[in-house]
Amino acid sequence: MKFVLAFCFSLAMISAGAVQADAAAGQSAYAAKGCIGCHGAGGVSAVAANPTLKGQSADYVSKNLTDFRSGARQNPIMNAMAAGLSDADIRNIADYIGSLK
């Protein structure tokens, strides 16, 4: 029984590690994937038409990027931008934005 519990705990820890976001990687992806061009350095947009992301939660950013990528949320620019993001990119960018206070 102890072996089974230890095995299940190990699997849970491995799984948790597989989905962990990385804010530093997210900051790099935010710049490399072009987010910074519209949403500004540090998530603060200089253009009123482009939303400031600073202050948004990681969950909010993740859901919206996922919805843009799938087409569940429509915006021609964001649909095209999100199409090139992997699940890891989305998690990392969301974690980066969520870390901005």
N, C-alpha and C. Protein backbone atom coordinates (compact mmCIF):
# COMPACT_ATOMS: atom_id res chain seq x y z
N MET A 1 0.82 -1.19 0.00
CA MET A 1 0.00 0.00 0.00
C MET A 1 0.86 1.26 0.00
N LYS A 2 1.93 1.25 0.80
CA LYS A 2 2.82 2.40 0.83
C LYS A 2 3.44 2.65 -0.53
N PHE A 3 3.77 1.57 -1.24
CA PHE A 3 4.35 1.70 -2.58
C PHE A 3 3.36 2.38 -3.52
N VAL A 4 2.10 1.97 -3.46
CA VAL A 4 1.08 2.54 -4.33
C VAL A 4 0.91 4.03 -4.04
N LEU A 5 0.86 4.39 -2.76
CA LEU A 5 0.73 5.80 -2.40
C LEU A 5 1.94 6.60 -2.86
N ALA A 6 3.12 6.05 -2.66
CA ALA A 6 4.34 6.73 -3.09
C ALA A 6 4.36 6.89 -4.61
N PHE A 7 3.94 5.86 -5.32
CA PHE A 7 3.90 5.90 -6.78
C PHE A 7 2.92 6.98 -7.25
N CYS A 8 1.73 7.01 -6.66
CA CYS A 8 0.72 8.01 -7.05
C CYS A 8 1.21 9.42 -6.74
N PHE A 9 1.84 9.59 -5.60
CA PHE A 9 2.39 10.89 -5.23
C PHE A 9 3.46 11.32 -6.23
N SER A 10 4.31 10.39 -6.63
CA SER A 10 5.37 10.69 -7.61
C SER A 10 4.77 11.11 -8.94
N LEU A 11 3.75 10.39 -9.38
CA LEU A 11 3.10 10.76 -10.64
C LEU A 11 2.47 12.14 -10.55
N ALA A 12 1.86 12.44 -9.43
CA ALA A 12 1.24 13.76 -9.26
C ALA A 12 2.30 14.85 -9.31
N MET A 13 3.43 14.63 -8.70
CA MET A 13 4.50 15.63 -8.70
C MET A 13 5.08 15.80 -10.10
N ILE A 14 5.25 14.72 -10.83
CA ILE A 14 5.75 14.80 -12.20
C ILE A 14 4.76 15.57 -13.06
N SER A 15 3.48 15.24 -12.92
CA SER A 15 2.44 15.92 -13.70
C SER A 15 2.40 17.40 -13.36
N ALA A 16 2.50 17.74 -12.10
CA ALA A 16 2.47 19.14 -11.70
C ALA A 16 3.65 19.89 -12.29
N GLY A 17 4.81 19.27 -12.34
CA GLY A 17 5.98 19.90 -12.92
C GLY A 17 5.85 20.11 -14.41
N ALA A 18 5.10 19.25 -15.06
CA ALA A 18 4.94 19.34 -16.51
C ALA A 18 4.10 20.54 -16.92
N VAL A 19 3.27 21.04 -16.03
CA VAL A 19 2.39 22.15 -16.39
C VAL A 19 2.77 23.45 -15.70
N GLN A 20 3.87 23.45 -14.99
CA GLN A 20 4.27 24.66 -14.30
C GLN A 20 4.67 25.75 -15.29
N ALA A 21 4.23 26.93 -15.00
CA ALA A 21 4.57 28.07 -15.83
C ALA A 21 5.88 28.68 -15.37
N ASP A 22 6.50 29.40 -16.26
CA ASP A 22 7.80 30.01 -15.99
C ASP A 22 7.72 31.48 -16.43
N ALA A 23 7.65 32.38 -15.46
CA ALA A 23 7.51 33.81 -15.76
C ALA A 23 8.68 34.36 -16.56
N ALA A 24 9.90 33.87 -16.29
CA ALA A 24 11.07 34.35 -17.05
C ALA A 24 10.96 33.93 -18.51
N ALA A 25 10.55 32.69 -18.74
CA ALA A 25 10.34 32.23 -20.12
C ALA A 25 9.19 33.00 -20.75
N GLY A 26 8.19 33.32 -19.94
CA GLY A 26 7.05 34.10 -20.44
C GLY A 26 7.44 35.50 -20.85
N GLN A 27 8.34 36.11 -20.10
CA GLN A 27 8.82 37.45 -20.45
C GLN A 27 9.56 37.40 -21.78
N SER A 28 10.36 36.37 -21.98
CA SER A 28 11.07 36.21 -23.26
C SER A 28 10.10 35.98 -24.40
N ALA A 29 9.11 35.10 -24.17
CA ALA A 29 8.11 34.81 -25.21
C ALA A 29 7.27 36.04 -25.51
N TYR A 30 6.94 36.82 -24.50
CA TYR A 30 6.16 38.05 -24.66
C TYR A 30 6.85 38.98 -25.66
N ALA A 31 8.16 39.07 -25.57
CA ALA A 31 8.93 39.90 -26.50
C ALA A 31 9.09 39.20 -27.85
N ALA A 32 9.49 37.93 -27.83
CA ALA A 32 9.80 37.21 -29.07
C ALA A 32 8.57 36.96 -29.94
N LYS A 33 7.43 36.75 -29.33
CA LYS A 33 6.20 36.44 -30.08
C LYS A 33 5.46 37.70 -30.52
N GLY A 34 5.97 38.87 -30.14
CA GLY A 34 5.41 40.13 -30.62
C GLY A 34 4.38 40.79 -29.73
N CYS A 35 4.09 40.22 -28.57
CA CYS A 35 3.08 40.80 -27.67
C CYS A 35 3.45 42.23 -27.28
N ILE A 36 4.74 42.43 -27.06
CA ILE A 36 5.24 43.73 -26.60
C ILE A 36 4.94 44.84 -27.60
N GLY A 37 4.81 44.49 -28.88
CA GLY A 37 4.57 45.49 -29.92
C GLY A 37 3.26 46.24 -29.73
N CYS A 38 2.22 45.56 -29.27
CA CYS A 38 0.92 46.20 -29.06
C CYS A 38 0.61 46.46 -27.60
N HIS A 39 1.01 45.55 -26.73
CA HIS A 39 0.63 45.63 -25.32
C HIS A 39 1.69 46.31 -24.45
N GLY A 40 2.83 46.67 -25.06
CA GLY A 40 3.85 47.46 -24.39
C GLY A 40 4.76 46.72 -23.45
N ALA A 41 5.87 47.38 -23.15
CA ALA A 41 6.84 46.84 -22.20
C ALA A 41 6.19 46.76 -20.83
N GLY A 42 6.39 45.65 -20.17
CA GLY A 42 5.79 45.48 -18.85
C GLY A 42 4.28 45.39 -18.87
N GLY A 43 3.71 45.12 -20.05
CA GLY A 43 2.26 44.96 -20.16
C GLY A 43 1.47 46.25 -20.14
N VAL A 44 2.16 47.39 -20.31
CA VAL A 44 1.48 48.69 -20.28
C VAL A 44 1.49 49.26 -21.70
N SER A 45 0.31 49.30 -22.31
CA SER A 45 0.18 49.78 -23.68
C SER A 45 0.24 51.30 -23.74
N ALA A 46 0.91 51.81 -24.76
CA ALA A 46 0.98 53.26 -24.99
C ALA A 46 -0.13 53.71 -25.93
N VAL A 47 -0.90 52.75 -26.46
CA VAL A 47 -1.96 53.04 -27.43
C VAL A 47 -3.30 52.66 -26.80
N ALA A 48 -4.22 53.59 -26.73
CA ALA A 48 -5.50 53.36 -26.06
C ALA A 48 -6.28 52.18 -26.65
N ALA A 49 -6.14 51.94 -27.95
CA ALA A 49 -6.88 50.86 -28.60
C ALA A 49 -6.37 49.47 -28.21
N ASN A 50 -5.15 49.41 -27.70
CA ASN A 50 -4.55 48.13 -27.31
C ASN A 50 -4.62 48.01 -25.79
N PRO A 51 -5.24 46.96 -25.30
CA PRO A 51 -5.39 46.86 -23.84
C PRO A 51 -4.08 46.69 -23.08
N THR A 52 -4.00 47.35 -21.94
CA THR A 52 -2.91 47.14 -21.00
C THR A 52 -3.17 45.81 -20.31
N LEU A 53 -2.15 44.97 -20.24
CA LEU A 53 -2.31 43.65 -19.63
C LEU A 53 -1.86 43.62 -18.17
N LYS A 54 -0.99 44.54 -17.80
CA LYS A 54 -0.52 44.59 -16.41
C LYS A 54 -1.73 44.66 -15.48
N GLY A 55 -1.72 43.83 -14.45
CA GLY A 55 -2.82 43.80 -13.50
C GLY A 55 -3.83 42.69 -13.77
N GLN A 56 -3.73 42.05 -14.94
CA GLN A 56 -4.61 40.93 -15.24
C GLN A 56 -4.06 39.67 -14.58
N SER A 57 -4.94 38.76 -14.21
CA SER A 57 -4.49 37.50 -13.60
C SER A 57 -3.96 36.55 -14.66
N ALA A 58 -3.12 35.64 -14.24
CA ALA A 58 -2.60 34.62 -15.15
C ALA A 58 -3.74 33.79 -15.73
N ASP A 59 -4.74 33.47 -14.92
CA ASP A 59 -5.88 32.68 -15.41
C ASP A 59 -6.63 33.42 -16.51
N TYR A 60 -6.83 34.72 -16.34
CA TYR A 60 -7.52 35.53 -17.33
C TYR A 60 -6.75 35.54 -18.66
N VAL A 61 -5.46 35.77 -18.58
CA VAL A 61 -4.62 35.82 -19.78
C VAL A 61 -4.60 34.46 -20.46
N SER A 62 -4.42 33.41 -19.69
CA SER A 62 -4.38 32.06 -20.25
C SER A 62 -5.68 31.71 -20.96
N LYS A 63 -6.81 31.99 -20.33
CA LYS A 63 -8.10 31.68 -20.95
C LYS A 63 -8.29 32.46 -22.23
N ASN A 64 -7.97 33.74 -22.21
CA ASN A 64 -8.17 34.56 -23.40
C ASN A 64 -7.25 34.15 -24.54
N LEU A 65 -5.99 33.87 -24.25
CA LEU A 65 -5.08 33.42 -25.31
C LEU A 65 -5.54 32.09 -25.88
N THR A 66 -5.99 31.19 -25.02
CA THR A 66 -6.50 29.89 -25.48
C THR A 66 -7.73 30.09 -26.35
N ASP A 67 -8.63 30.98 -25.94
CA ASP A 67 -9.83 31.25 -26.72
C ASP A 67 -9.51 31.92 -28.05
N PHE A 68 -8.55 32.83 -28.08
CA PHE A 68 -8.13 33.43 -29.35
C PHE A 68 -7.54 32.36 -30.26
N ARG A 69 -6.72 31.49 -29.70
CA ARG A 69 -6.08 30.44 -30.51
C ARG A 69 -7.11 29.48 -31.10
N SER A 70 -8.11 29.12 -30.33
CA SER A 70 -9.12 28.16 -30.79
C SER A 70 -10.18 28.81 -31.69
N GLY A 71 -10.27 30.13 -31.65
CA GLY A 71 -11.29 30.83 -32.40
C GLY A 71 -12.56 31.07 -31.60
N ALA A 72 -12.60 30.61 -30.34
CA ALA A 72 -13.77 30.84 -29.49
C ALA A 72 -13.97 32.33 -29.22
N ARG A 73 -12.89 33.08 -29.25
CA ARG A 73 -12.95 34.54 -29.14
C ARG A 73 -12.38 35.11 -30.44
N GLN A 74 -13.09 36.05 -31.03
CA GLN A 74 -12.71 36.56 -32.34
C GLN A 74 -12.09 37.95 -32.28
N ASN A 75 -10.92 38.05 -32.88
CA ASN A 75 -10.23 39.30 -33.14
C ASN A 75 -9.16 38.94 -34.16
N PRO A 76 -9.23 39.48 -35.38
CA PRO A 76 -8.32 39.04 -36.44
C PRO A 76 -6.84 39.09 -36.06
N ILE A 77 -6.43 40.13 -35.37
CA ILE A 77 -5.02 40.25 -35.00
C ILE A 77 -4.67 39.23 -33.93
N MET A 78 -5.47 39.16 -32.88
CA MET A 78 -5.16 38.24 -31.78
C MET A 78 -5.32 36.78 -32.19
N ASN A 79 -6.27 36.47 -33.06
CA ASN A 79 -6.39 35.09 -33.53
C ASN A 79 -5.13 34.67 -34.26
N ALA A 80 -4.58 35.56 -35.09
CA ALA A 80 -3.35 35.25 -35.83
C ALA A 80 -2.16 35.15 -34.88
N MET A 81 -2.08 36.05 -33.91
CA MET A 81 -0.95 36.03 -32.97
C MET A 81 -0.99 34.77 -32.10
N ALA A 82 -2.16 34.42 -31.59
CA ALA A 82 -2.29 33.28 -30.69
C ALA A 82 -2.13 31.95 -31.41
N ALA A 83 -2.39 31.93 -32.71
CA ALA A 83 -2.27 30.68 -33.48
C ALA A 83 -0.86 30.11 -33.40
N GLY A 84 0.13 30.96 -33.25
CA GLY A 84 1.52 30.51 -33.19
C GLY A 84 2.02 30.19 -31.79
N LEU A 85 1.14 30.21 -30.80
CA LEU A 85 1.56 29.95 -29.42
C LEU A 85 1.30 28.50 -29.04
N SER A 86 2.28 27.90 -28.41
CA SER A 86 2.10 26.55 -27.86
C SER A 86 1.40 26.66 -26.50
N ASP A 87 0.98 25.52 -25.96
CA ASP A 87 0.40 25.53 -24.62
C ASP A 87 1.39 26.09 -23.61
N ALA A 88 2.66 25.71 -23.75
CA ALA A 88 3.70 26.20 -22.84
C ALA A 88 3.88 27.70 -22.98
N ASP A 89 3.85 28.22 -24.23
CA ASP A 89 3.95 29.67 -24.43
C ASP A 89 2.82 30.38 -23.69
N ILE A 90 1.61 29.87 -23.85
CA ILE A 90 0.45 30.49 -23.21
C ILE A 90 0.60 30.48 -21.70
N ARG A 91 0.97 29.35 -21.13
CA ARG A 91 1.16 29.26 -19.67
C ARG A 91 2.23 30.24 -19.20
N ASN A 92 3.34 30.29 -19.94
CA ASN A 92 4.45 31.14 -19.52
C ASN A 92 4.13 32.62 -19.67
N ILE A 93 3.53 33.00 -20.78
CA ILE A 93 3.15 34.41 -20.98
C ILE A 93 2.12 34.81 -19.93
N ALA A 94 1.16 33.95 -19.68
CA ALA A 94 0.14 34.24 -18.67
C ALA A 94 0.78 34.40 -17.29
N ASP A 95 1.75 33.54 -16.97
CA ASP A 95 2.42 33.64 -15.67
C ASP A 95 3.21 34.95 -15.58
N TYR A 96 3.86 35.33 -16.67
CA TYR A 96 4.60 36.60 -16.69
C TYR A 96 3.65 37.77 -16.46
N ILE A 97 2.56 37.83 -17.22
CA ILE A 97 1.60 38.94 -17.07
C ILE A 97 1.02 38.93 -15.65
N GLY A 98 0.69 37.75 -15.16
CA GLY A 98 0.14 37.65 -13.81
C GLY A 98 1.10 38.11 -12.73
N SER A 99 2.39 38.06 -13.03
CA SER A 99 3.40 38.47 -12.04
C SER A 99 3.61 39.98 -12.01
N LEU A 100 3.09 40.68 -12.99
CA LEU A 100 3.25 42.14 -13.07
C LEU A 100 2.26 42.81 -12.13
N LYS A 101 2.75 43.55 -11.21
CA LYS A 101 1.85 44.21 -10.24
C LYS A 101 1.99 45.70 -10.32
